[in-house]
Amino acid sequence: MRCTRYFNEQVLRKRPYLTLAMCRAVIAWPIHRQVQSDGRVRYWGPVILPNETEPRILRVVTLEDGTTLHNAFIDRNFREDQP
């Protein structure tokens, strides 16, 4: 899986709890997917962080190709019942 320079240098540094495996899993089995106006693709999926037992929702943003990771973070505001 490819990553942007921003993802490698900023996202992984700021969010040490993230792994590429988590991001891959969300992209492979998202509970929601949305294409942004700029063509980037957002994916949401549940992950369990280290030392936690309850799943959280991880938002992963890829470039237009749908595979190059650009951003990822825990989305505290995601609600499955909202579009």
PDB file of N, CA and C in Angstrom:
ATOM      1  N   MET A   1       0.848  -1.172   0.000  1.00  0.00           N
ATOM      2  CA  MET A   1       0.000   0.000   0.000  1.00  0.00           C
ATOM      3  C   MET A   1       0.894   1.236   0.000  1.00  0.00           C
ATOM      4  N   ARG A   2       0.577   2.145  -0.878  1.00  0.00           N
ATOM      5  CA  ARG A   2       1.367   3.378  -0.964  1.00  0.00           C
ATOM      6  C   ARG A   2       0.848   4.408   0.020  1.00  0.00           C
ATOM      7  N   CYS A   3       1.718   5.348   0.376  1.00  0.00           N
ATOM      8  CA  CYS A   3       1.373   6.424   1.297  1.00  0.00           C
ATOM      9  C   CYS A   3       1.949   7.725   0.759  1.00  0.00           C
ATOM     10  N   THR A   4       1.236   8.819   1.039  1.00  0.00           N
ATOM     11  CA  THR A   4       1.772  10.124   0.668  1.00  0.00           C
ATOM     12  C   THR A   4       2.869  10.509   1.651  1.00  0.00           C
ATOM     13  N   ARG A   5       3.657  11.471   1.263  1.00  0.00           N
ATOM     14  CA  ARG A   5       4.706  11.969   2.145  1.00  0.00           C
ATOM     15  C   ARG A   5       4.085  12.535   3.428  1.00  0.00           C
ATOM     16  N   TYR A   6       2.951  13.225   3.279  1.00  0.00           N
ATOM     17  CA  TYR A   6       2.240  13.776   4.438  1.00  0.00           C
ATOM     18  C   TYR A   6       1.867  12.655   5.417  1.00  0.00           C
ATOM     19  N   PHE A   7       1.345  11.560   4.913  1.00  0.00           N
ATOM     20  CA  PHE A   7       0.956  10.454   5.781  1.00  0.00           C
ATOM     21  C   PHE A   7       2.163   9.910   6.543  1.00  0.00           C
ATOM     22  N   ASN A   8       3.239   9.652   5.824  1.00  0.00           N
ATOM     23  CA  ASN A   8       4.437   9.087   6.457  1.00  0.00           C
ATOM     24  C   ASN A   8       5.086  10.030   7.455  1.00  0.00           C
ATOM     25  N   GLU A   9       5.161  11.310   7.114  1.00  0.00           N
ATOM     26  CA  GLU A   9       5.908  12.254   7.949  1.00  0.00           C
ATOM     27  C   GLU A   9       5.074  12.930   9.028  1.00  0.00           C
ATOM     28  N   GLN A  10       3.791  13.098   8.808  1.00  0.00           N
ATOM     29  CA  GLN A  10       2.969  13.828   9.774  1.00  0.00           C
ATOM     30  C   GLN A  10       1.970  12.935  10.513  1.00  0.00           C
ATOM     31  N   VAL A  11       1.170  12.205   9.757  1.00  0.00           N
ATOM     32  CA  VAL A  11       0.093  11.429  10.369  1.00  0.00           C
ATOM     33  C   VAL A  11       0.639  10.356  11.301  1.00  0.00           C
ATOM     34  N   LEU A  12       1.568   9.556  10.833  1.00  0.00           N
ATOM     35  CA  LEU A  12       2.105   8.487  11.683  1.00  0.00           C
ATOM     36  C   LEU A  12       2.877   9.031  12.877  1.00  0.00           C
ATOM     37  N   ARG A  13       3.499  10.184  12.711  1.00  0.00           N
ATOM     38  CA  ARG A  13       4.232  10.795  13.825  1.00  0.00           C
ATOM     39  C   ARG A  13       3.266  11.320  14.891  1.00  0.00           C
ATOM     40  N   LYS A  14       2.187  11.957  14.462  1.00  0.00           N
ATOM     41  CA  LYS A  14       1.218  12.541  15.395  1.00  0.00           C
ATOM     42  C   LYS A  14       0.326  11.496  16.049  1.00  0.00           C
ATOM     43  N   ARG A  15       0.123  10.368  15.362  1.00  0.00           N
ATOM     44  CA  ARG A  15      -0.809   9.354  15.849  1.00  0.00           C
ATOM     45  C   ARG A  15      -0.108   7.998  15.916  1.00  0.00           C
ATOM     46  N   PRO A  16       0.742   7.817  16.921  1.00  0.00           N
ATOM     47  CA  PRO A  16       1.537   6.587  16.999  1.00  0.00           C
ATOM     48  C   PRO A  16       0.702   5.320  17.200  1.00  0.00           C
ATOM     49  N   TYR A  17      -0.547   5.457  17.573  1.00  0.00           N
ATOM     50  CA  TYR A  17      -1.418   4.297  17.761  1.00  0.00           C
ATOM     51  C   TYR A  17      -1.878   3.711  16.427  1.00  0.00           C
ATOM     52  N   LEU A  18      -1.730   4.458  15.331  1.00  0.00           N
ATOM     53  CA  LEU A  18      -2.160   3.973  14.020  1.00  0.00           C
ATOM     54  C   LEU A  18      -1.176   2.983  13.428  1.00  0.00           C
ATOM     55  N   THR A  19      -1.713   1.998  12.725  1.00  0.00           N
ATOM     56  CA  THR A  19      -0.868   1.067  11.982  1.00  0.00           C
ATOM     57  C   THR A  19      -1.393   0.976  10.549  1.00  0.00           C
ATOM     58  N   LEU A  20      -0.519   0.580   9.649  1.00  0.00           N
ATOM     59  CA  LEU A  20      -0.950   0.384   8.269  1.00  0.00           C
ATOM     60  C   LEU A  20      -1.991  -0.725   8.175  1.00  0.00           C
ATOM     61  N   ALA A  21      -1.875  -1.722   9.034  1.00  0.00           N
ATOM     62  CA  ALA A  21      -2.839  -2.820   9.037  1.00  0.00           C
ATOM     63  C   ALA A  21      -4.248  -2.321   9.368  1.00  0.00           C
ATOM     64  N   MET A  22      -4.358  -1.404  10.308  1.00  0.00           N
ATOM     65  CA  MET A  22      -5.662  -0.819  10.644  1.00  0.00           C
ATOM     66  C   MET A  22      -6.249  -0.093   9.438  1.00  0.00           C
ATOM     67  N   CYS A  23      -5.423   0.695   8.792  1.00  0.00           N
ATOM     68  CA  CYS A  23      -5.878   1.460   7.619  1.00  0.00           C
ATOM     69  C   CYS A  23      -6.304   0.532   6.489  1.00  0.00           C
ATOM     70  N   ARG A  24      -5.528  -0.502   6.254  1.00  0.00           N
ATOM     71  CA  ARG A  24      -5.872  -1.486   5.211  1.00  0.00           C
ATOM     72  C   ARG A  24      -7.214  -2.149   5.505  1.00  0.00           C
ATOM     73  N   ALA A  25      -7.431  -2.502   6.760  1.00  0.00           N
ATOM     74  CA  ALA A  25      -8.677  -3.163   7.151  1.00  0.00           C
ATOM     75  C   ALA A  25      -9.884  -2.264   6.923  1.00  0.00           C
ATOM     76  N   VAL A  26      -9.751  -0.989   7.254  1.00  0.00           N
ATOM     77  CA  VAL A  26     -10.862  -0.052   7.054  1.00  0.00           C
ATOM     78  C   VAL A  26     -11.162   0.107   5.572  1.00  0.00           C
ATOM     79  N   ILE A  27     -10.127   0.199   4.742  1.00  0.00           N
ATOM     80  CA  ILE A  27     -10.334   0.336   3.296  1.00  0.00           C
ATOM     81  C   ILE A  27     -10.951  -0.935   2.716  1.00  0.00           C
ATOM     82  N   ALA A  28     -10.542  -2.083   3.215  1.00  0.00           N
ATOM     83  CA  ALA A  28     -11.047  -3.356   2.694  1.00  0.00           C
ATOM     84  C   ALA A  28     -12.498  -3.612   3.107  1.00  0.00           C
ATOM     85  N   TRP A  29     -12.882  -3.246   4.323  1.00  0.00           N
ATOM     86  CA  TRP A  29     -14.224  -3.516   4.839  1.00  0.00           C
ATOM     87  C   TRP A  29     -14.806  -2.275   5.509  1.00  0.00           C
ATOM     88  N   PRO A  30     -15.069  -1.219   4.747  1.00  0.00           N
ATOM     89  CA  PRO A  30     -15.616  -0.002   5.363  1.00  0.00           C
ATOM     90  C   PRO A  30     -17.088  -0.165   5.729  1.00  0.00           C
ATOM     91  N   ILE A  31     -17.506   0.561   6.764  1.00  0.00           N
ATOM     92  CA  ILE A  31     -18.936   0.597   7.078  1.00  0.00           C
ATOM     93  C   ILE A  31     -19.589   1.761   6.335  1.00  0.00           C
ATOM     94  N   HIS A  32     -18.757   2.697   5.850  1.00  0.00           N
ATOM     95  CA  HIS A  32     -19.259   3.813   5.048  1.00  0.00           C
ATOM     96  C   HIS A  32     -18.118   4.296   4.156  1.00  0.00           C
ATOM     97  N   ARG A  33     -18.486   4.746   2.956  1.00  0.00           N
ATOM     98  CA  ARG A  33     -17.499   5.249   1.989  1.00  0.00           C
ATOM     99  C   ARG A  33     -18.085   6.483   1.327  1.00  0.00           C
ATOM    100  N   GLN A  34     -17.242   7.502   1.115  1.00  0.00           N
ATOM    101  CA  GLN A  34     -17.716   8.742   0.506  1.00  0.00           C
ATOM    102  C   GLN A  34     -16.606   9.353  -0.340  1.00  0.00           C
ATOM    103  N   VAL A  35     -16.962   9.852  -1.518  1.00  0.00           N
ATOM    104  CA  VAL A  35     -15.999  10.540  -2.372  1.00  0.00           C
ATOM    105  C   VAL A  35     -16.131  12.035  -2.115  1.00  0.00           C
ATOM    106  N   GLN A  36     -15.019  12.691  -1.811  1.00  0.00           N
ATOM    107  CA  GLN A  36     -15.006  14.127  -1.567  1.00  0.00           C
ATOM    108  C   GLN A  36     -15.081  14.876  -2.897  1.00  0.00           C
ATOM    109  N   SER A  37     -15.355  16.174  -2.825  1.00  0.00           N
ATOM    110  CA  SER A  37     -15.461  16.991  -4.039  1.00  0.00           C
ATOM    111  C   SER A  37     -14.133  17.076  -4.790  1.00  0.00           C
ATOM    112  N   ASP A  38     -13.013  16.906  -4.085  1.00  0.00           N
ATOM    113  CA  ASP A  38     -11.698  16.954  -4.742  1.00  0.00           C
ATOM    114  C   ASP A  38     -11.258  15.586  -5.272  1.00  0.00           C
ATOM    115  N   GLY A  39     -12.114  14.580  -5.144  1.00  0.00           N
ATOM    116  CA  GLY A  39     -11.816  13.255  -5.667  1.00  0.00           C
ATOM    117  C   GLY A  39     -11.236  12.288  -4.644  1.00  0.00           C
ATOM    118  N   ARG A  40     -10.770  12.803  -3.524  1.00  0.00           N
ATOM    119  CA  ARG A  40     -10.257  11.890  -2.487  1.00  0.00           C
ATOM    120  C   ARG A  40     -11.403  11.058  -1.931  1.00  0.00           C
ATOM    121  N   VAL A  41     -11.054   9.912  -1.375  1.00  0.00           N
ATOM    122  CA  VAL A  41     -12.074   8.977  -0.905  1.00  0.00           C
ATOM    123  C   VAL A  41     -11.930   8.793   0.602  1.00  0.00           C
ATOM    124  N   ARG A  42     -13.051   8.919   1.296  1.00  0.00           N
ATOM    125  CA  ARG A  42     -13.089   8.709   2.748  1.00  0.00           C
ATOM    126  C   ARG A  42     -13.681   7.336   3.037  1.00  0.00           C
ATOM    127  N   TYR A  43     -13.073   6.646   3.984  1.00  0.00           N
ATOM    128  CA  TYR A  43     -13.568   5.351   4.443  1.00  0.00           C
ATOM    129  C   TYR A  43     -13.685   5.403   5.962  1.00  0.00           C
ATOM    130  N   TRP A  44     -14.751   4.836   6.498  1.00  0.00           N
ATOM    131  CA  TRP A  44     -14.910   4.724   7.944  1.00  0.00           C
ATOM    132  C   TRP A  44     -15.025   3.255   8.302  1.00  0.00           C
ATOM    133  N   GLY A  45     -14.402   2.879   9.414  1.00  0.00           N
ATOM    134  CA  GLY A  45     -14.501   1.495   9.865  1.00  0.00           C
ATOM    135  C   GLY A  45     -14.104   1.364  11.319  1.00  0.00           C
ATOM    136  N   PRO A  46     -14.572   0.329  11.981  1.00  0.00           N
ATOM    137  CA  PRO A  46     -14.238   0.125  13.393  1.00  0.00           C
ATOM    138  C   PRO A  46     -12.844  -0.473  13.563  1.00  0.00           C
ATOM    139  N   VAL A  47     -12.141   0.007  14.562  1.00  0.00           N
ATOM    140  CA  VAL A  47     -10.837  -0.544  14.947  1.00  0.00           C
ATOM    141  C   VAL A  47     -10.775  -0.587  16.465  1.00  0.00           C
ATOM    142  N   ILE A  48      -9.956  -1.484  16.975  1.00  0.00           N
ATOM    143  CA  ILE A  48      -9.710  -1.529  18.419  1.00  0.00           C
ATOM    144  C   ILE A  48      -8.266  -1.099  18.634  1.00  0.00           C
ATOM    145  N   LEU A  49      -8.106  -0.014  19.364  1.00  0.00           N
ATOM    146  CA  LEU A  49      -6.778   0.526  19.618  1.00  0.00           C
ATOM    147  C   LEU A  49      -6.068  -0.293  20.691  1.00  0.00           C
ATOM    148  N   PRO A  50      -4.746  -0.251  20.709  1.00  0.00           N
ATOM    149  CA  PRO A  50      -4.001  -0.970  21.748  1.00  0.00           C
ATOM    150  C   PRO A  50      -4.449  -0.536  23.145  1.00  0.00           C
ATOM    151  N   ASN A  51      -4.538  -1.478  24.045  1.00  0.00           N
ATOM    152  CA  ASN A  51      -4.930  -1.244  25.439  1.00  0.00           C
ATOM    153  C   ASN A  51      -6.371  -0.786  25.590  1.00  0.00           C
ATOM    154  N   GLU A  52      -7.216  -1.011  24.594  1.00  0.00           N
ATOM    155  CA  GLU A  52      -8.637  -0.681  24.686  1.00  0.00           C
ATOM    156  C   GLU A  52      -9.446  -1.917  24.326  1.00  0.00           C
ATOM    157  N   THR A  53     -10.678  -1.964  24.799  1.00  0.00           N
ATOM    158  CA  THR A  53     -11.534  -3.104  24.505  1.00  0.00           C
ATOM    159  C   THR A  53     -12.701  -2.736  23.604  1.00  0.00           C
ATOM    160  N   GLU A  54     -13.095  -1.479  23.594  1.00  0.00           N
ATOM    161  CA  GLU A  54     -14.214  -1.024  22.774  1.00  0.00           C
ATOM    162  C   GLU A  54     -13.721  -0.516  21.425  1.00  0.00           C
ATOM    163  N   PRO A  55     -14.417  -0.854  20.349  1.00  0.00           N
ATOM    164  CA  PRO A  55     -13.997  -0.348  19.036  1.00  0.00           C
ATOM    165  C   PRO A  55     -14.274   1.143  18.894  1.00  0.00           C
ATOM    166  N   ARG A  56     -13.453   1.787  18.105  1.00  0.00           N
ATOM    167  CA  ARG A  56     -13.640   3.189  17.739  1.00  0.00           C
ATOM    168  C   ARG A  56     -13.732   3.251  16.220  1.00  0.00           C
ATOM    169  N   ILE A  57     -14.211   4.376  15.709  1.00  0.00           N
ATOM    170  CA  ILE A  57     -14.330   4.543  14.268  1.00  0.00           C
ATOM    171  C   ILE A  57     -13.106   5.286  13.741  1.00  0.00           C
ATOM    172  N   LEU A  58     -12.426   4.652  12.800  1.00  0.00           N
ATOM    173  CA  LEU A  58     -11.260   5.242  12.154  1.00  0.00           C
ATOM    174  C   LEU A  58     -11.677   5.743  10.783  1.00  0.00           C
ATOM    175  N   ARG A  59     -11.361   7.019  10.492  1.00  0.00           N
ATOM    176  CA  ARG A  59     -11.586   7.548   9.143  1.00  0.00           C
ATOM    177  C   ARG A  59     -10.257   7.534   8.415  1.00  0.00           C
ATOM    178  N   VAL A  60     -10.252   6.933   7.246  1.00  0.00           N
ATOM    179  CA  VAL A  60      -9.056   6.854   6.409  1.00  0.00           C
ATOM    180  C   VAL A  60      -9.364   7.600   5.114  1.00  0.00           C
ATOM    181  N   VAL A  61      -8.469   8.505   4.732  1.00  0.00           N
ATOM    182  CA  VAL A  61      -8.635   9.264   3.498  1.00  0.00           C
ATOM    183  C   VAL A  61      -7.543   8.842   2.525  1.00  0.00           C
ATOM    184  N   THR A  62      -7.967   8.475   1.316  1.00  0.00           N
ATOM    185  CA  THR A  62      -7.011   8.094   0.282  1.00  0.00           C
ATOM    186  C   THR A  62      -7.064   9.116  -0.849  1.00  0.00           C
ATOM    187  N   LEU A  63      -6.068   9.066  -1.703  1.00  0.00           N
ATOM    188  CA  LEU A  63      -6.103   9.886  -2.907  1.00  0.00           C
ATOM    189  C   LEU A  63      -7.151   9.317  -3.859  1.00  0.00           C
ATOM    190  N   GLU A  64      -7.312   9.926  -5.005  1.00  0.00           N
ATOM    191  CA  GLU A  64      -8.342   9.543  -5.966  1.00  0.00           C
ATOM    192  C   GLU A  64      -8.281   8.073  -6.371  1.00  0.00           C
ATOM    193  N   ASP A  65      -7.086   7.491  -6.324  1.00  0.00           N
ATOM    194  CA  ASP A  65      -6.942   6.088  -6.736  1.00  0.00           C
ATOM    195  C   ASP A  65      -7.566   5.101  -5.752  1.00  0.00           C
ATOM    196  N   GLY A  66      -7.916   5.565  -4.559  1.00  0.00           N
ATOM    197  CA  GLY A  66      -8.551   4.705  -3.570  1.00  0.00           C
ATOM    198  C   GLY A  66      -7.605   3.789  -2.820  1.00  0.00           C
ATOM    199  N   THR A  67      -6.299   3.902  -3.075  1.00  0.00           N
ATOM    200  CA  THR A  67      -5.340   3.028  -2.383  1.00  0.00           C
ATOM    201  C   THR A  67      -4.191   3.777  -1.726  1.00  0.00           C
ATOM    202  N   THR A  68      -3.860   4.972  -2.178  1.00  0.00           N
ATOM    203  CA  THR A  68      -2.742   5.727  -1.598  1.00  0.00           C
ATOM    204  C   THR A  68      -3.216   6.451  -0.349  1.00  0.00           C
ATOM    205  N   LEU A  69      -2.689   6.053   0.809  1.00  0.00           N
ATOM    206  CA  LEU A  69      -3.090   6.656   2.080  1.00  0.00           C
ATOM    207  C   LEU A  69      -2.631   8.108   2.176  1.00  0.00           C
ATOM    208  N   HIS A  70      -3.551   8.980   2.598  1.00  0.00           N
ATOM    209  CA  HIS A  70      -3.215  10.389   2.765  1.00  0.00           C
ATOM    210  C   HIS A  70      -3.434  10.855   4.206  1.00  0.00           C
ATOM    211  N   ASN A  71      -4.485  10.373   4.871  1.00  0.00           N
ATOM    212  CA  ASN A  71      -4.765  10.792   6.238  1.00  0.00           C
ATOM    213  C   ASN A  71      -5.552   9.694   6.942  1.00  0.00           C
ATOM    214  N   ALA A  72      -5.468   9.668   8.252  1.00  0.00           N
ATOM    215  CA  ALA A  72      -6.244   8.721   9.051  1.00  0.00           C
ATOM    216  C   ALA A  72      -6.327   9.254  10.474  1.00  0.00           C
ATOM    217  N   PHE A  73      -7.506   9.136  11.060  1.00  0.00           N
ATOM    218  CA  PHE A  73      -7.694   9.599  12.431  1.00  0.00           C
ATOM    219  C   PHE A  73      -8.966   8.998  13.007  1.00  0.00           C
ATOM    220  N   ILE A  74      -9.055   9.007  14.329  1.00  0.00           N
ATOM    221  CA  ILE A  74     -10.258   8.553  15.011  1.00  0.00           C
ATOM    222  C   ILE A  74     -11.320   9.627  14.811  1.00  0.00           C
ATOM    223  N   ASP A  75     -12.479   9.227  14.291  1.00  0.00           N
ATOM    224  CA  ASP A  75     -13.567  10.165  14.011  1.00  0.00           C
ATOM    225  C   ASP A  75     -14.591  10.078  15.130  1.00  0.00           C
ATOM    226  N   ARG A  76     -14.491  10.983  16.068  1.00  0.00           N
ATOM    227  CA  ARG A  76     -15.388  10.971  17.233  1.00  0.00           C
ATOM    228  C   ARG A  76     -16.806  11.408  16.882  1.00  0.00           C
ATOM    229  N   ASN A  77     -16.989  12.066  15.748  1.00  0.00           N
ATOM    230  CA  ASN A  77     -18.306  12.588  15.379  1.00  0.00           C
ATOM    231  C   ASN A  77     -19.074  11.702  14.408  1.00  0.00           C
ATOM    232  N   PHE A  78     -18.510  10.572  13.992  1.00  0.00           N
ATOM    233  CA  PHE A  78     -19.193   9.721  13.014  1.00  0.00           C
ATOM    234  C   PHE A  78     -20.410   9.065  13.631  1.00  0.00           C
ATOM    235  N   ARG A  79     -21.517   9.122  12.895  1.00  0.00           N
ATOM    236  CA  ARG A  79     -22.746   8.450  13.287  1.00  0.00           C
ATOM    237  C   ARG A  79     -23.233   7.650  12.093  1.00  0.00           C
ATOM    238  N   GLU A  80     -23.419   6.354  12.266  1.00  0.00           N
ATOM    239  CA  GLU A  80     -23.836   5.489  11.157  1.00  0.00           C
ATOM    240  C   GLU A  80     -25.196   5.861  10.606  1.00  0.00           C
ATOM    241  N   ASP A  81     -26.068   6.425  11.422  1.00  0.00           N
ATOM    242  CA  ASP A  81     -27.420   6.745  10.975  1.00  0.00           C
ATOM    243  C   ASP A  81     -27.508   8.062  10.220  1.00  0.00           C
ATOM    244  N   GLN A  82     -26.388   8.789  10.088  1.00  0.00           N
ATOM    245  CA  GLN A  82     -26.380  10.049   9.335  1.00  0.00           C
ATOM    246  C   GLN A  82     -25.659   9.844   8.018  1.00  0.00           C
ATOM    247  N   PRO A  83     -26.143  10.486   6.944  1.00  0.00           N
ATOM    248  CA  PRO A  83     -25.471  10.336   5.645  1.00  0.00           C
ATOM    249  C   PRO A  83     -24.124  11.006   5.592  1.00  0.00           C
TER     250      PRO A  83
END
